[in-house]
């Protein structure tokens, strides 16, 4: 999905987070997580703090194979209140989430195609 930004400015709160990170008030993971939630790309967030985006590993991995998993079966409940990893594993094939949380702390859209946070962060349009 390729989309062009209509407004080329960065969310003002993301710039505030960049200043907090540079002052040592916020660690890198928290900064990346918060700024990507505001619509800044991971590469853009790293650029705000003046560092290069880390390289991705795993180019040597091969597709295919078998994964076997054993786990307890726990009674299902509301997916928003899952407190055991077994519940998430069990429903992963049927439930899709609006966003995906990545290992680097960034957030990418999954079902949510475009999210533009408002200045008050109360609504995402």
Protein backbone atom coordinates (compact mmCIF):
# COMPACT_ATOMS: atom_id res chain seq x y z
CA UNK A 1 0.00 0.00 0.00
CA UNK A 2 1.56 3.23 -1.15
CA UNK A 3 0.00 6.49 -0.12
CA UNK A 4 1.22 10.04 -0.39
CA UNK A 5 0.91 12.36 2.57
CA UNK A 6 -1.27 15.38 1.95
CA UNK A 7 0.21 17.20 4.90
CA UNK A 8 4.02 16.90 4.97
CA UNK A 9 4.36 18.09 8.57
CA UNK A 10 5.19 15.79 11.46
CA UNK A 11 2.77 15.57 14.36
CA UNK A 12 3.86 18.19 16.95
CA UNK A 13 3.73 15.65 19.76
CA UNK A 14 6.18 13.41 17.86
CA UNK A 15 8.61 16.33 17.74
CA UNK A 16 8.11 16.82 21.49
CA UNK A 17 8.86 13.10 22.02
CA UNK A 18 12.06 13.51 19.94
CA UNK A 19 13.18 16.36 22.20
CA UNK A 20 12.42 14.25 25.28
CA UNK A 21 14.46 11.37 23.85
CA UNK A 22 17.40 13.64 23.06
CA UNK A 23 17.24 15.06 26.61
CA UNK A 24 17.36 11.52 28.03
CA UNK A 25 13.83 11.60 29.45
CA UNK A 26 12.56 8.79 27.17
CA UNK A 27 14.31 5.65 25.93
CA UNK A 28 14.51 4.71 22.24
CA UNK A 29 11.87 1.95 22.33
CA UNK A 30 9.31 4.15 24.03
CA UNK A 31 10.03 6.97 21.57
CA UNK A 32 9.62 4.69 18.52
CA UNK A 33 6.42 3.19 19.93
CA UNK A 34 4.82 6.55 20.71
CA UNK A 35 5.86 8.32 17.52
CA UNK A 36 4.72 5.49 15.20
CA UNK A 37 1.37 5.51 17.02
CA UNK A 38 1.10 9.14 15.91
CA UNK A 39 1.54 8.19 12.25
CA UNK A 40 5.29 8.68 11.86
CA UNK A 41 7.01 5.81 10.02
CA UNK A 42 9.73 3.89 11.85
CA UNK A 43 12.34 5.31 9.45
CA UNK A 44 10.97 8.81 10.00
CA UNK A 45 11.03 8.35 13.78
CA UNK A 46 14.67 7.28 13.69
CA UNK A 47 15.37 10.31 11.51
CA UNK A 48 13.77 12.61 14.09
CA UNK A 49 16.30 11.52 16.68
CA UNK A 50 19.19 11.50 14.20
CA UNK A 51 20.10 7.82 14.15
CA UNK A 52 20.05 5.19 11.40
CA UNK A 53 17.31 2.56 11.41
CA UNK A 54 18.69 -0.82 12.59
CA UNK A 55 19.20 -3.48 9.93
CA UNK A 56 16.82 -6.44 9.90
CA UNK A 57 18.28 -9.89 10.46
CA UNK A 58 16.90 -13.20 9.27
CA UNK A 59 17.79 -13.13 5.57
CA UNK A 60 19.23 -16.63 5.91
CA UNK A 61 15.95 -18.20 7.09
CA UNK A 62 14.17 -20.66 4.83
CA UNK A 63 10.44 -20.98 4.20
CA UNK A 64 8.55 -24.12 5.13
CA UNK A 65 8.89 -26.72 7.83
CA UNK A 66 6.70 -27.81 10.71
CA UNK A 67 6.12 -26.03 13.97
CA UNK A 68 4.67 -28.01 16.83
CA UNK A 69 3.25 -26.35 19.88
CA UNK A 70 1.84 -27.72 23.11
CA UNK A 71 -0.17 -25.54 25.46
CA UNK A 72 -2.86 -25.49 28.08
CA UNK A 73 -6.42 -24.91 26.94
CA UNK A 74 -8.07 -22.10 28.88
CA UNK A 75 -11.70 -21.01 28.70
CA UNK A 76 -12.20 -18.25 26.12
CA UNK A 77 -13.36 -14.79 27.11
CA UNK A 78 -13.44 -11.31 25.61
CA UNK A 79 -10.35 -10.95 23.34
CA UNK A 80 -9.71 -7.44 24.65
CA UNK A 81 -9.08 -8.89 28.11
CA UNK A 82 -6.81 -11.81 27.17
CA UNK A 83 -4.26 -12.24 29.93
CA UNK A 84 -2.67 -15.53 28.86
CA UNK A 85 -0.60 -16.10 25.74
CA UNK A 86 -2.44 -19.38 25.14
CA UNK A 87 -5.65 -17.43 24.49
CA UNK A 88 -3.96 -15.25 21.89
CA UNK A 89 -2.34 -18.27 20.20
CA UNK A 90 -5.63 -20.13 20.06
CA UNK A 91 -7.56 -17.26 18.45
CA UNK A 92 -4.76 -15.93 16.24
CA UNK A 93 -6.13 -17.74 13.20
CA UNK A 94 -9.59 -16.21 13.50
CA UNK A 95 -9.09 -12.77 15.01
CA UNK A 96 -7.28 -10.00 13.21
CA UNK A 97 -6.18 -6.90 15.02
CA UNK A 98 -6.38 -3.28 13.85
CA UNK A 99 -2.64 -2.78 14.23
CA UNK A 100 0.40 -4.98 14.58
CA UNK A 101 3.01 -4.25 17.23
CA UNK A 102 6.51 -4.88 15.84
CA UNK A 103 9.65 -5.97 17.70
CA UNK A 104 11.23 -2.54 17.31
CA UNK A 105 8.28 -0.91 19.10
CA UNK A 106 6.67 0.51 15.97
CA UNK A 107 3.05 -0.02 15.02
CA UNK A 108 1.93 -0.94 11.50
CA UNK A 109 -1.67 -0.98 10.25
CA UNK A 110 -3.27 -4.37 9.84
CA UNK A 111 -7.01 -3.92 9.33
CA UNK A 112 -6.73 -0.20 9.92
CA UNK A 113 -5.76 1.10 6.48
CA UNK A 114 -5.02 4.71 7.39
CA UNK A 115 -4.92 6.25 10.83
CA UNK A 116 -4.52 9.98 11.29
CA UNK A 117 -4.43 10.97 14.95
CA UNK A 118 -5.94 14.28 15.94
CA UNK A 119 -4.05 16.82 18.03
CA UNK A 120 -6.03 15.87 21.12
CA UNK A 121 -5.43 12.14 20.46
CA UNK A 122 -9.02 11.42 21.49
CA UNK A 123 -10.15 10.27 18.05
CA UNK A 124 -8.43 8.60 15.13
CA UNK A 125 -10.07 9.57 11.85
